[in-house]
Amino acid sequence: MFEVEPGTTVCDAMLKNDIEIEHACEKSCACTTCHVYIREGFESMKESTEEEDDLLDKAWGLEPDSRLSCQAVVDEEDLVIEIPKYTINMVSEKR
């Protein structure tokens, strides 16, 4: 458990707290590697954009509480996040 300032993306919050999550497009909403499940607090977040929804349709293991962590912004309510077991990454930066 950790605290972050409201307005921080879920991806940035995880990375700042040493939780590794892929973000192959460098957080530009161009892939699905940072896909997460918002298990608690989903309703407190702003709705996803059409662009995010289009990408989420391609994510592995899509669920009703799926979001791209680079687009999901933390508000005042506590969140419980789950990182899916798999992601779809056409290009990996790790060698």
PDB file of N, CA and C in Angstrom:
ATOM      1  N   MET A   1       0.842  -1.166   0.000  1.00  0.00           N
ATOM      2  CA  MET A   1       0.000   0.000   0.000  1.00  0.00           C
ATOM      3  C   MET A   1       0.894   1.238   0.000  1.00  0.00           C
ATOM      4  N   PHE A   2       0.460   2.237  -0.780  1.00  0.00           N
ATOM      5  CA  PHE A   2       1.190   3.494  -0.819  1.00  0.00           C
ATOM      6  C   PHE A   2       0.239   4.626  -1.166  1.00  0.00           C
ATOM      7  N   GLU A   3       0.658   5.842  -0.892  1.00  0.00           N
ATOM      8  CA  GLU A   3      -0.152   7.014  -1.174  1.00  0.00           C
ATOM      9  C   GLU A   3       0.445   7.788  -2.331  1.00  0.00           C
ATOM     10  N   VAL A   4      -0.428   8.365  -3.141  1.00  0.00           N
ATOM     11  CA  VAL A   4       0.001   9.231  -4.241  1.00  0.00           C
ATOM     12  C   VAL A   4      -0.919  10.442  -4.294  1.00  0.00           C
ATOM     13  N   GLU A   5      -0.447  11.479  -4.929  1.00  0.00           N
ATOM     14  CA  GLU A   5      -1.239  12.681  -5.097  1.00  0.00           C
ATOM     15  C   GLU A   5      -2.355  12.441  -6.113  1.00  0.00           C
ATOM     16  N   PRO A   6      -3.559  12.927  -5.848  1.00  0.00           N
ATOM     17  CA  PRO A   6      -4.607  12.868  -6.870  1.00  0.00           C
ATOM     18  C   PRO A   6      -4.108  13.543  -8.148  1.00  0.00           C
ATOM     19  N   GLY A   7      -4.521  13.006  -9.283  1.00  0.00           N
ATOM     20  CA  GLY A   7      -4.066  13.536 -10.561  1.00  0.00           C
ATOM     21  C   GLY A   7      -2.912  12.766 -11.159  1.00  0.00           C
ATOM     22  N   THR A   8      -2.336  11.842 -10.395  1.00  0.00           N
ATOM     23  CA  THR A   8      -1.244  10.984 -10.861  1.00  0.00           C
ATOM     24  C   THR A   8      -1.845   9.800 -11.604  1.00  0.00           C
ATOM     25  N   THR A   9      -1.231   9.401 -12.702  1.00  0.00           N
ATOM     26  CA  THR A   9      -1.735   8.204 -13.372  1.00  0.00           C
ATOM     27  C   THR A   9      -1.373   6.972 -12.546  1.00  0.00           C
ATOM     28  N   VAL A  10      -2.165   5.942 -12.706  1.00  0.00           N
ATOM     29  CA  VAL A  10      -1.906   4.681 -12.004  1.00  0.00           C
ATOM     30  C   VAL A  10      -0.529   4.149 -12.392  1.00  0.00           C
ATOM     31  N   CYS A  11      -0.168   4.260 -13.664  1.00  0.00           N
ATOM     32  CA  CYS A  11       1.136   3.790 -14.138  1.00  0.00           C
ATOM     33  C   CYS A  11       2.269   4.532 -13.433  1.00  0.00           C
ATOM     34  N   ASP A  12       2.202   5.853 -13.417  1.00  0.00           N
ATOM     35  CA  ASP A  12       3.248   6.639 -12.745  1.00  0.00           C
ATOM     36  C   ASP A  12       3.312   6.321 -11.258  1.00  0.00           C
ATOM     37  N   ALA A  13       2.166   6.142 -10.630  1.00  0.00           N
ATOM     38  CA  ALA A  13       2.134   5.812  -9.202  1.00  0.00           C
ATOM     39  C   ALA A  13       2.835   4.488  -8.931  1.00  0.00           C
ATOM     40  N   MET A  14       2.573   3.493  -9.768  1.00  0.00           N
ATOM     41  CA  MET A  14       3.211   2.189  -9.581  1.00  0.00           C
ATOM     42  C   MET A  14       4.722   2.291  -9.815  1.00  0.00           C
ATOM     43  N   LEU A  15       5.116   2.944 -10.894  1.00  0.00           N
ATOM     44  CA  LEU A  15       6.539   3.061 -11.205  1.00  0.00           C
ATOM     45  C   LEU A  15       7.295   3.812 -10.112  1.00  0.00           C
ATOM     46  N   LYS A  16       6.704   4.867  -9.576  1.00  0.00           N
ATOM     47  CA  LYS A  16       7.347   5.646  -8.506  1.00  0.00           C
ATOM     48  C   LYS A  16       7.486   4.848  -7.223  1.00  0.00           C
ATOM     49  N   ASN A  17       6.687   3.789  -7.093  1.00  0.00           N
ATOM     50  CA  ASN A  17       6.731   2.960  -5.892  1.00  0.00           C
ATOM     51  C   ASN A  17       7.337   1.588  -6.171  1.00  0.00           C
ATOM     52  N   ASP A  18       8.202   1.536  -7.177  1.00  0.00           N
ATOM     53  CA  ASP A  18       8.981   0.341  -7.514  1.00  0.00           C
ATOM     54  C   ASP A  18       8.141  -0.877  -7.874  1.00  0.00           C
ATOM     55  N   ILE A  19       6.970  -0.640  -8.459  1.00  0.00           N
ATOM     56  CA  ILE A  19       6.147  -1.726  -8.988  1.00  0.00           C
ATOM     57  C   ILE A  19       6.315  -1.676 -10.497  1.00  0.00           C
ATOM     58  N   GLU A  20       6.976  -2.687 -11.024  1.00  0.00           N
ATOM     59  CA  GLU A  20       7.264  -2.700 -12.453  1.00  0.00           C
ATOM     60  C   GLU A  20       6.020  -3.054 -13.240  1.00  0.00           C
ATOM     61  N   ILE A  21       5.732  -2.224 -14.214  1.00  0.00           N
ATOM     62  CA  ILE A  21       4.646  -2.483 -15.144  1.00  0.00           C
ATOM     63  C   ILE A  21       5.130  -2.065 -16.520  1.00  0.00           C
ATOM     64  N   GLU A  22       4.867  -2.905 -17.490  1.00  0.00           N
ATOM     65  CA  GLU A  22       5.286  -2.567 -18.851  1.00  0.00           C
ATOM     66  C   GLU A  22       4.553  -1.317 -19.316  1.00  0.00           C
ATOM     67  N   HIS A  23       5.226  -0.541 -20.125  1.00  0.00           N
ATOM     68  CA  HIS A  23       4.625   0.644 -20.746  1.00  0.00           C
ATOM     69  C   HIS A  23       5.391   0.914 -22.042  1.00  0.00           C
ATOM     70  N   ALA A  24       5.218  -0.024 -22.982  1.00  0.00           N
ATOM     71  CA  ALA A  24       6.016  -0.038 -24.209  1.00  0.00           C
ATOM     72  C   ALA A  24       5.871   1.228 -25.044  1.00  0.00           C
ATOM     73  N   CYS A  25       4.734   1.879 -24.980  1.00  0.00           N
ATOM     74  CA  CYS A  25       4.532   3.087 -25.791  1.00  0.00           C
ATOM     75  C   CYS A  25       4.938   4.348 -25.029  1.00  0.00           C
ATOM     76  N   GLU A  26       5.613   4.165 -23.902  1.00  0.00           N
ATOM     77  CA  GLU A  26       6.053   5.293 -23.063  1.00  0.00           C
ATOM     78  C   GLU A  26       4.865   6.126 -22.585  1.00  0.00           C
ATOM     79  N   LYS A  27       3.768   5.448 -22.245  1.00  0.00           N
ATOM     80  CA  LYS A  27       2.586   6.063 -21.636  1.00  0.00           C
ATOM     81  C   LYS A  27       1.858   7.028 -22.563  1.00  0.00           C
ATOM     82  N   SER A  28       1.831   6.720 -23.861  1.00  0.00           N
ATOM     83  CA  SER A  28       1.188   7.613 -24.823  1.00  0.00           C
ATOM     84  C   SER A  28      -0.155   7.078 -25.340  1.00  0.00           C
ATOM     85  N   CYS A  29      -0.705   6.074 -24.686  1.00  0.00           N
ATOM     86  CA  CYS A  29      -1.994   5.475 -25.072  1.00  0.00           C
ATOM     87  C   CYS A  29      -1.924   4.924 -26.497  1.00  0.00           C
ATOM     88  N   ALA A  30      -0.877   4.133 -26.750  1.00  0.00           N
ATOM     89  CA  ALA A  30      -0.701   3.556 -28.084  1.00  0.00           C
ATOM     90  C   ALA A  30      -0.520   2.039 -28.049  1.00  0.00           C
ATOM     91  N   CYS A  31      -0.637   1.425 -26.859  1.00  0.00           N
ATOM     92  CA  CYS A  31      -0.516  -0.029 -26.756  1.00  0.00           C
ATOM     93  C   CYS A  31      -1.363  -0.496 -25.573  1.00  0.00           C
ATOM     94  N   THR A  32      -1.247  -1.749 -25.207  1.00  0.00           N
ATOM     95  CA  THR A  32      -2.023  -2.264 -24.070  1.00  0.00           C
ATOM     96  C   THR A  32      -1.136  -2.891 -22.997  1.00  0.00           C
ATOM     97  N   THR A  33       0.154  -2.633 -23.031  1.00  0.00           N
ATOM     98  CA  THR A  33       1.061  -3.315 -22.105  1.00  0.00           C
ATOM     99  C   THR A  33       0.887  -2.880 -20.650  1.00  0.00           C
ATOM    100  N   CYS A  34       0.267  -1.736 -20.412  1.00  0.00           N
ATOM    101  CA  CYS A  34       0.071  -1.269 -19.030  1.00  0.00           C
ATOM    102  C   CYS A  34      -1.350  -1.559 -18.535  1.00  0.00           C
ATOM    103  N   HIS A  35      -2.042  -2.465 -19.204  1.00  0.00           N
ATOM    104  CA  HIS A  35      -3.406  -2.845 -18.828  1.00  0.00           C
ATOM    105  C   HIS A  35      -3.438  -3.341 -17.390  1.00  0.00           C
ATOM    106  N   VAL A  36      -4.409  -2.847 -16.619  1.00  0.00           N
ATOM    107  CA  VAL A  36      -4.610  -3.277 -15.232  1.00  0.00           C
ATOM    108  C   VAL A  36      -6.097  -3.458 -14.974  1.00  0.00           C
ATOM    109  N   TYR A  37      -6.397  -4.127 -13.866  1.00  0.00           N
ATOM    110  CA  TYR A  37      -7.755  -4.241 -13.369  1.00  0.00           C
ATOM    111  C   TYR A  37      -7.879  -3.324 -12.152  1.00  0.00           C
ATOM    112  N   ILE A  38      -8.897  -2.491 -12.116  1.00  0.00           N
ATOM    113  CA  ILE A  38      -9.166  -1.634 -10.965  1.00  0.00           C
ATOM    114  C   ILE A  38     -10.208  -2.383 -10.125  1.00  0.00           C
ATOM    115  N   ARG A  39      -9.739  -3.138  -9.136  1.00  0.00           N
ATOM    116  CA  ARG A  39     -10.620  -4.019  -8.365  1.00  0.00           C
ATOM    117  C   ARG A  39     -11.473  -3.263  -7.358  1.00  0.00           C
ATOM    118  N   GLU A  40     -10.971  -2.139  -6.850  1.00  0.00           N
ATOM    119  CA  GLU A  40     -11.758  -1.296  -5.947  1.00  0.00           C
ATOM    120  C   GLU A  40     -11.487   0.152  -6.301  1.00  0.00           C
ATOM    121  N   GLY A  41     -12.540   0.964  -6.271  1.00  0.00           N
ATOM    122  CA  GLY A  41     -12.406   2.383  -6.560  1.00  0.00           C
ATOM    123  C   GLY A  41     -12.626   2.756  -8.014  1.00  0.00           C
ATOM    124  N   PHE A  42     -13.032   1.806  -8.841  1.00  0.00           N
ATOM    125  CA  PHE A  42     -13.211   2.031 -10.277  1.00  0.00           C
ATOM    126  C   PHE A  42     -14.164   3.197 -10.552  1.00  0.00           C
ATOM    127  N   GLU A  43     -15.261   3.256  -9.799  1.00  0.00           N
ATOM    128  CA  GLU A  43     -16.282   4.274 -10.039  1.00  0.00           C
ATOM    129  C   GLU A  43     -15.793   5.680  -9.714  1.00  0.00           C
ATOM    130  N   SER A  44     -14.738   5.800  -8.913  1.00  0.00           N
ATOM    131  CA  SER A  44     -14.233   7.118  -8.531  1.00  0.00           C
ATOM    132  C   SER A  44     -13.406   7.777  -9.631  1.00  0.00           C
ATOM    133  N   MET A  45     -13.042   7.009 -10.644  1.00  0.00           N
ATOM    134  CA  MET A  45     -12.176   7.517 -11.702  1.00  0.00           C
ATOM    135  C   MET A  45     -12.997   8.110 -12.845  1.00  0.00           C
ATOM    136  N   LYS A  46     -12.377   9.045 -13.569  1.00  0.00           N
ATOM    137  CA  LYS A  46     -13.030   9.568 -14.770  1.00  0.00           C
ATOM    138  C   LYS A  46     -13.196   8.431 -15.758  1.00  0.00           C
ATOM    139  N   GLU A  47     -14.231   8.529 -16.581  1.00  0.00           N
ATOM    140  CA  GLU A  47     -14.470   7.492 -17.582  1.00  0.00           C
ATOM    141  C   GLU A  47     -13.334   7.449 -18.590  1.00  0.00           C
ATOM    142  N   SER A  48     -13.126   6.282 -19.152  1.00  0.00           N
ATOM    143  CA  SER A  48     -12.095   6.122 -20.177  1.00  0.00           C
ATOM    144  C   SER A  48     -12.516   6.850 -21.449  1.00  0.00           C
ATOM    145  N   THR A  49     -11.529   7.249 -22.221  1.00  0.00           N
ATOM    146  CA  THR A  49     -11.802   7.922 -23.490  1.00  0.00           C
ATOM    147  C   THR A  49     -12.085   6.880 -24.565  1.00  0.00           C
ATOM    148  N   GLU A  50     -12.592   7.318 -25.682  1.00  0.00           N
ATOM    149  CA  GLU A  50     -12.850   6.419 -26.811  1.00  0.00           C
ATOM    150  C   GLU A  50     -11.538   5.791 -27.289  1.00  0.00           C
ATOM    151  N   GLU A  51     -10.470   6.578 -27.290  1.00  0.00           N
ATOM    152  CA  GLU A  51      -9.151   6.076 -27.707  1.00  0.00           C
ATOM    153  C   GLU A  51      -8.689   4.939 -26.784  1.00  0.00           C
ATOM    154  N   GLU A  52      -8.842   5.139 -25.473  1.00  0.00           N
ATOM    155  CA  GLU A  52      -8.457   4.092 -24.519  1.00  0.00           C
ATOM    156  C   GLU A  52      -9.339   2.858 -24.703  1.00  0.00           C
ATOM    157  N   ASP A  53     -10.642   3.060 -24.875  1.00  0.00           N
ATOM    158  CA  ASP A  53     -11.556   1.929 -25.065  1.00  0.00           C
ATOM    159  C   ASP A  53     -11.197   1.112 -26.305  1.00  0.00           C
ATOM    160  N   ASP A  54     -10.831   1.800 -27.385  1.00  0.00           N
ATOM    161  CA  ASP A  54     -10.438   1.101 -28.612  1.00  0.00           C
ATOM    162  C   ASP A  54      -9.227   0.206 -28.374  1.00  0.00           C
ATOM    163  N   LEU A  55      -8.261   0.699 -27.612  1.00  0.00           N
ATOM    164  CA  LEU A  55      -7.082  -0.115 -27.300  1.00  0.00           C
ATOM    165  C   LEU A  55      -7.421  -1.229 -26.330  1.00  0.00           C
ATOM    166  N   LEU A  56      -8.232  -0.937 -25.333  1.00  0.00           N
ATOM    167  CA  LEU A  56      -8.603  -1.971 -24.362  1.00  0.00           C
ATOM    168  C   LEU A  56      -9.266  -3.161 -25.030  1.00  0.00           C
ATOM    169  N   ASP A  57      -9.991  -2.924 -26.116  1.00  0.00           N
ATOM    170  CA  ASP A  57     -10.623  -4.024 -26.846  1.00  0.00           C
ATOM    171  C   ASP A  57      -9.594  -5.040 -27.336  1.00  0.00           C
ATOM    172  N   LYS A  58      -8.335  -4.633 -27.441  1.00  0.00           N
ATOM    173  CA  LYS A  58      -7.267  -5.517 -27.919  1.00  0.00           C
ATOM    174  C   LYS A  58      -6.455  -6.141 -26.775  1.00  0.00           C
ATOM    175  N   ALA A  59      -6.749  -5.757 -25.544  1.00  0.00           N
ATOM    176  CA  ALA A  59      -5.972  -6.226 -24.392  1.00  0.00           C
ATOM    177  C   ALA A  59      -6.296  -7.675 -24.063  1.00  0.00           C
ATOM    178  N   TRP A  60      -5.288  -8.390 -23.571  1.00  0.00           N
ATOM    179  CA  TRP A  60      -5.482  -9.768 -23.125  1.00  0.00           C
ATOM    180  C   TRP A  60      -6.271  -9.744 -21.821  1.00  0.00           C
ATOM    181  N   GLY A  61      -7.267 -10.610 -21.713  1.00  0.00           N
ATOM    182  CA  GLY A  61      -7.987 -10.768 -20.450  1.00  0.00           C
ATOM    183  C   GLY A  61      -8.854  -9.579 -20.079  1.00  0.00           C
ATOM    184  N   LEU A  62      -9.435  -8.921 -21.054  1.00  0.00           N
ATOM    185  CA  LEU A  62     -10.261  -7.747 -20.809  1.00  0.00           C
ATOM    186  C   LEU A  62     -11.416  -8.080 -19.862  1.00  0.00           C
ATOM    187  N   GLU A  63     -11.621  -7.228 -18.863  1.00  0.00           N
ATOM    188  CA  GLU A  63     -12.717  -7.372 -17.908  1.00  0.00           C
ATOM    189  C   GLU A  63     -13.427  -6.029 -17.773  1.00  0.00           C
ATOM    190  N   PRO A  64     -14.621  -6.000 -17.178  1.00  0.00           N
ATOM    191  CA  PRO A  64     -15.351  -4.734 -17.046  1.00  0.00           C
ATOM    192  C   PRO A  64     -14.584  -3.654 -16.274  1.00  0.00           C
ATOM    193  N   ASP A  65     -13.666  -4.058 -15.389  1.00  0.00           N
ATOM    194  CA  ASP A  65     -12.909  -3.071 -14.608  1.00  0.00           C
ATOM    195  C   ASP A  65     -11.495  -2.850 -15.162  1.00  0.00           C
ATOM    196  N   SER A  66     -11.295  -3.171 -16.437  1.00  0.00           N
ATOM    197  CA  SER A  66      -9.998  -2.965 -17.092  1.00  0.00           C
ATOM    198  C   SER A  66      -9.779  -1.495 -17.423  1.00  0.00           C
ATOM    199  N   ARG A  67      -8.533  -1.059 -17.271  1.00  0.00           N
ATOM    200  CA  ARG A  67      -8.117   0.281 -17.688  1.00  0.00           C
ATOM    201  C   ARG A  67      -6.669   0.194 -18.150  1.00  0.00           C
ATOM    202  N   LEU A  68      -6.249   1.174 -18.942  1.00  0.00           N
ATOM    203  CA  LEU A  68      -4.830   1.333 -19.240  1.00  0.00           C
ATOM    204  C   LEU A  68      -4.278   2.211 -18.134  1.00  0.00           C
ATOM    205  N   SER A  69      -3.276   1.721 -17.432  1.00  0.00           N
ATOM    206  CA  SER A  69      -2.791   2.458 -16.261  1.00  0.00           C
ATOM    207  C   SER A  69      -2.162   3.799 -16.630  1.00  0.00           C
ATOM    208  N   CYS A  70      -1.736   3.953 -17.881  1.00  0.00           N
ATOM    209  CA  CYS A  70      -1.166   5.234 -18.302  1.00  0.00           C
ATOM    210  C   CYS A  70      -2.239   6.297 -18.506  1.00  0.00           C
ATOM    211  N   GLN A  71      -3.502   5.885 -18.565  1.00  0.00           N
ATOM    212  CA  GLN A  71      -4.614   6.811 -18.788  1.00  0.00           C
ATOM    213  C   GLN A  71      -5.507   6.969 -17.561  1.00  0.00           C
ATOM    214  N   ALA A  72      -5.515   5.974 -16.684  1.00  0.00           N
ATOM    215  CA  ALA A  72      -6.344   6.009 -15.481  1.00  0.00           C
ATOM    216  C   ALA A  72      -5.688   6.909 -14.446  1.00  0.00           C
ATOM    217  N   VAL A  73      -6.435   7.899 -13.990  1.00  0.00           N
ATOM    218  CA  VAL A  73      -5.891   8.904 -13.069  1.00  0.00           C
ATOM    219  C   VAL A  73      -6.478   8.701 -11.674  1.00  0.00           C
ATOM    220  N   VAL A  74      -5.593   8.711 -10.690  1.00  0.00           N
ATOM    221  CA  VAL A  74      -5.983   8.556  -9.290  1.00  0.00           C
ATOM    222  C   VAL A  74      -6.750   9.804  -8.847  1.00  0.00           C
ATOM    223  N   ASP A  75      -7.854   9.567  -8.110  1.00  0.00           N
ATOM    224  CA  ASP A  75      -8.608  10.665  -7.530  1.00  0.00           C
ATOM    225  C   ASP A  75      -8.463  10.571  -6.015  1.00  0.00           C
ATOM    226  N   GLU A  76      -9.478  10.901  -5.271  1.00  0.00           N
ATOM    227  CA  GLU A  76      -9.407  10.906  -3.807  1.00  0.00           C
ATOM    228  C   GLU A  76      -9.633   9.535  -3.178  1.00  0.00           C
ATOM    229  N   GLU A  77     -10.320   8.646  -3.877  1.00  0.00           N
ATOM    230  CA  GLU A  77     -10.684   7.353  -3.303  1.00  0.00           C
ATOM    231  C   GLU A  77      -9.544   6.351  -3.421  1.00  0.00           C
ATOM    232  N   ASP A  78      -9.429   5.464  -2.423  1.00  0.00           N
ATOM    233  CA  ASP A  78      -8.434   4.399  -2.468  1.00  0.00           C
ATOM    234  C   ASP A  78      -8.740   3.458  -3.623  1.00  0.00           C
ATOM    235  N   LEU A  79      -7.685   2.938  -4.229  1.00  0.00           N
ATOM    236  CA  LEU A  79      -7.816   1.995  -5.334  1.00  0.00           C
ATOM    237  C   LEU A  79      -7.136   0.682  -4.964  1.00  0.00           C
ATOM    238  N   VAL A  80      -7.665  -0.400  -5.480  1.00  0.00           N
ATOM    239  CA  VAL A  80      -7.007  -1.706  -5.420  1.00  0.00           C
ATOM    240  C   VAL A  80      -6.785  -2.108  -6.866  1.00  0.00           C
ATOM    241  N   ILE A  81      -5.518  -2.296  -7.227  1.00  0.00           N
ATOM    242  CA  ILE A  81      -5.113  -2.571  -8.606  1.00  0.00           C
ATOM    243  C   ILE A  81      -4.569  -3.991  -8.704  1.00  0.00           C
ATOM    244  N   GLU A  82      -4.929  -4.682  -9.780  1.00  0.00           N
ATOM    245  CA  GLU A  82      -4.349  -5.990 -10.079  1.00  0.00           C
ATOM    246  C   GLU A  82      -3.721  -5.920 -11.464  1.00  0.00           C
ATOM    247  N   ILE A  83      -2.507  -6.395 -11.570  1.00  0.00           N
ATOM    248  CA  ILE A  83      -1.821  -6.453 -12.868  1.00  0.00           C
ATOM    249  C   ILE A  83      -2.107  -7.820 -13.475  1.00  0.00           C
ATOM    250  N   PRO A  84      -2.618  -7.862 -14.712  1.00  0.00           N
ATOM    251  CA  PRO A  84      -2.905  -9.147 -15.343  1.00  0.00           C
ATOM    252  C   PRO A  84      -1.658 -10.019 -15.474  1.00  0.00           C
ATOM    253  N   LYS A  85      -1.885 -11.311 -15.533  1.00  0.00           N
ATOM    254  CA  LYS A  85      -0.775 -12.259 -15.653  1.00  0.00           C
ATOM    255  C   LYS A  85      -0.035 -12.092 -16.973  1.00  0.00           C
ATOM    256  N   TYR A  86      -0.756 -11.744 -18.030  1.00  0.00           N
ATOM    257  CA  TYR A  86      -0.149 -11.612 -19.356  1.00  0.00           C
ATOM    258  C   TYR A  86      -0.472 -10.249 -19.954  1.00  0.00           C
ATOM    259  N   THR A  87       0.391  -9.814 -20.878  1.00  0.00           N
ATOM    260  CA  THR A  87       0.107  -8.639 -21.675  1.00  0.00           C
ATOM    261  C   THR A  87       0.418  -8.981 -23.121  1.00  0.00           C
ATOM    262  N   ILE A  88      -0.100  -8.161 -24.012  1.00  0.00           N
ATOM    263  CA  ILE A  88       0.216  -8.314 -25.422  1.00  0.00           C
ATOM    264  C   ILE A  88       1.214  -7.233 -25.762  1.00  0.00           C
ATOM    265  N   ASN A  89       2.448  -7.641 -26.067  1.00  0.00           N
ATOM    266  CA  ASN A  89       3.501  -6.687 -26.395  1.00  0.00           C
ATOM    267  C   ASN A  89       4.166  -7.181 -27.670  1.00  0.00           C
ATOM    268  N   MET A  90       3.902  -6.485 -28.759  1.00  0.00           N
ATOM    269  CA  MET A  90       4.456  -6.890 -30.051  1.00  0.00           C
ATOM    270  C   MET A  90       5.959  -6.643 -30.133  1.00  0.00           C
ATOM    271  N   VAL A  91       6.440  -5.665 -29.383  1.00  0.00           N
ATOM    272  CA  VAL A  91       7.860  -5.353 -29.378  1.00  0.00           C
ATOM    273  C   VAL A  91       8.301  -5.201 -27.942  1.00  0.00           C
ATOM    274  N   SER A  92       9.315  -5.927 -27.540  1.00  0.00           N
ATOM    275  CA  SER A  92       9.830  -5.818 -26.181  1.00  0.00           C
ATOM    276  C   SER A  92      11.154  -5.084 -26.206  1.00  0.00           C
ATOM    277  N   GLU A  93      11.288  -4.134 -25.287  1.00  0.00           N
ATOM    278  CA  GLU A  93      12.528  -3.379 -25.207  1.00  0.00           C
ATOM    279  C   GLU A  93      13.633  -4.172 -24.490  1.00  0.00           C
ATOM    280  N   LYS A  94      13.232  -5.150 -23.683  1.00  0.00           N
ATOM    281  CA  LYS A  94      14.201  -5.940 -22.927  1.00  0.00           C
ATOM    282  C   LYS A  94      14.857  -6.948 -23.836  1.00  0.00           C
ATOM    283  N   ARG A  95      16.152  -7.090 -23.717  1.00  0.00           N
ATOM    284  CA  ARG A  95      16.896  -8.053 -24.540  1.00  0.00           C
ATOM    285  C   ARG A  95      17.663  -8.993 -23.684  1.00  0.00           C
TER     286      ARG A  95
END
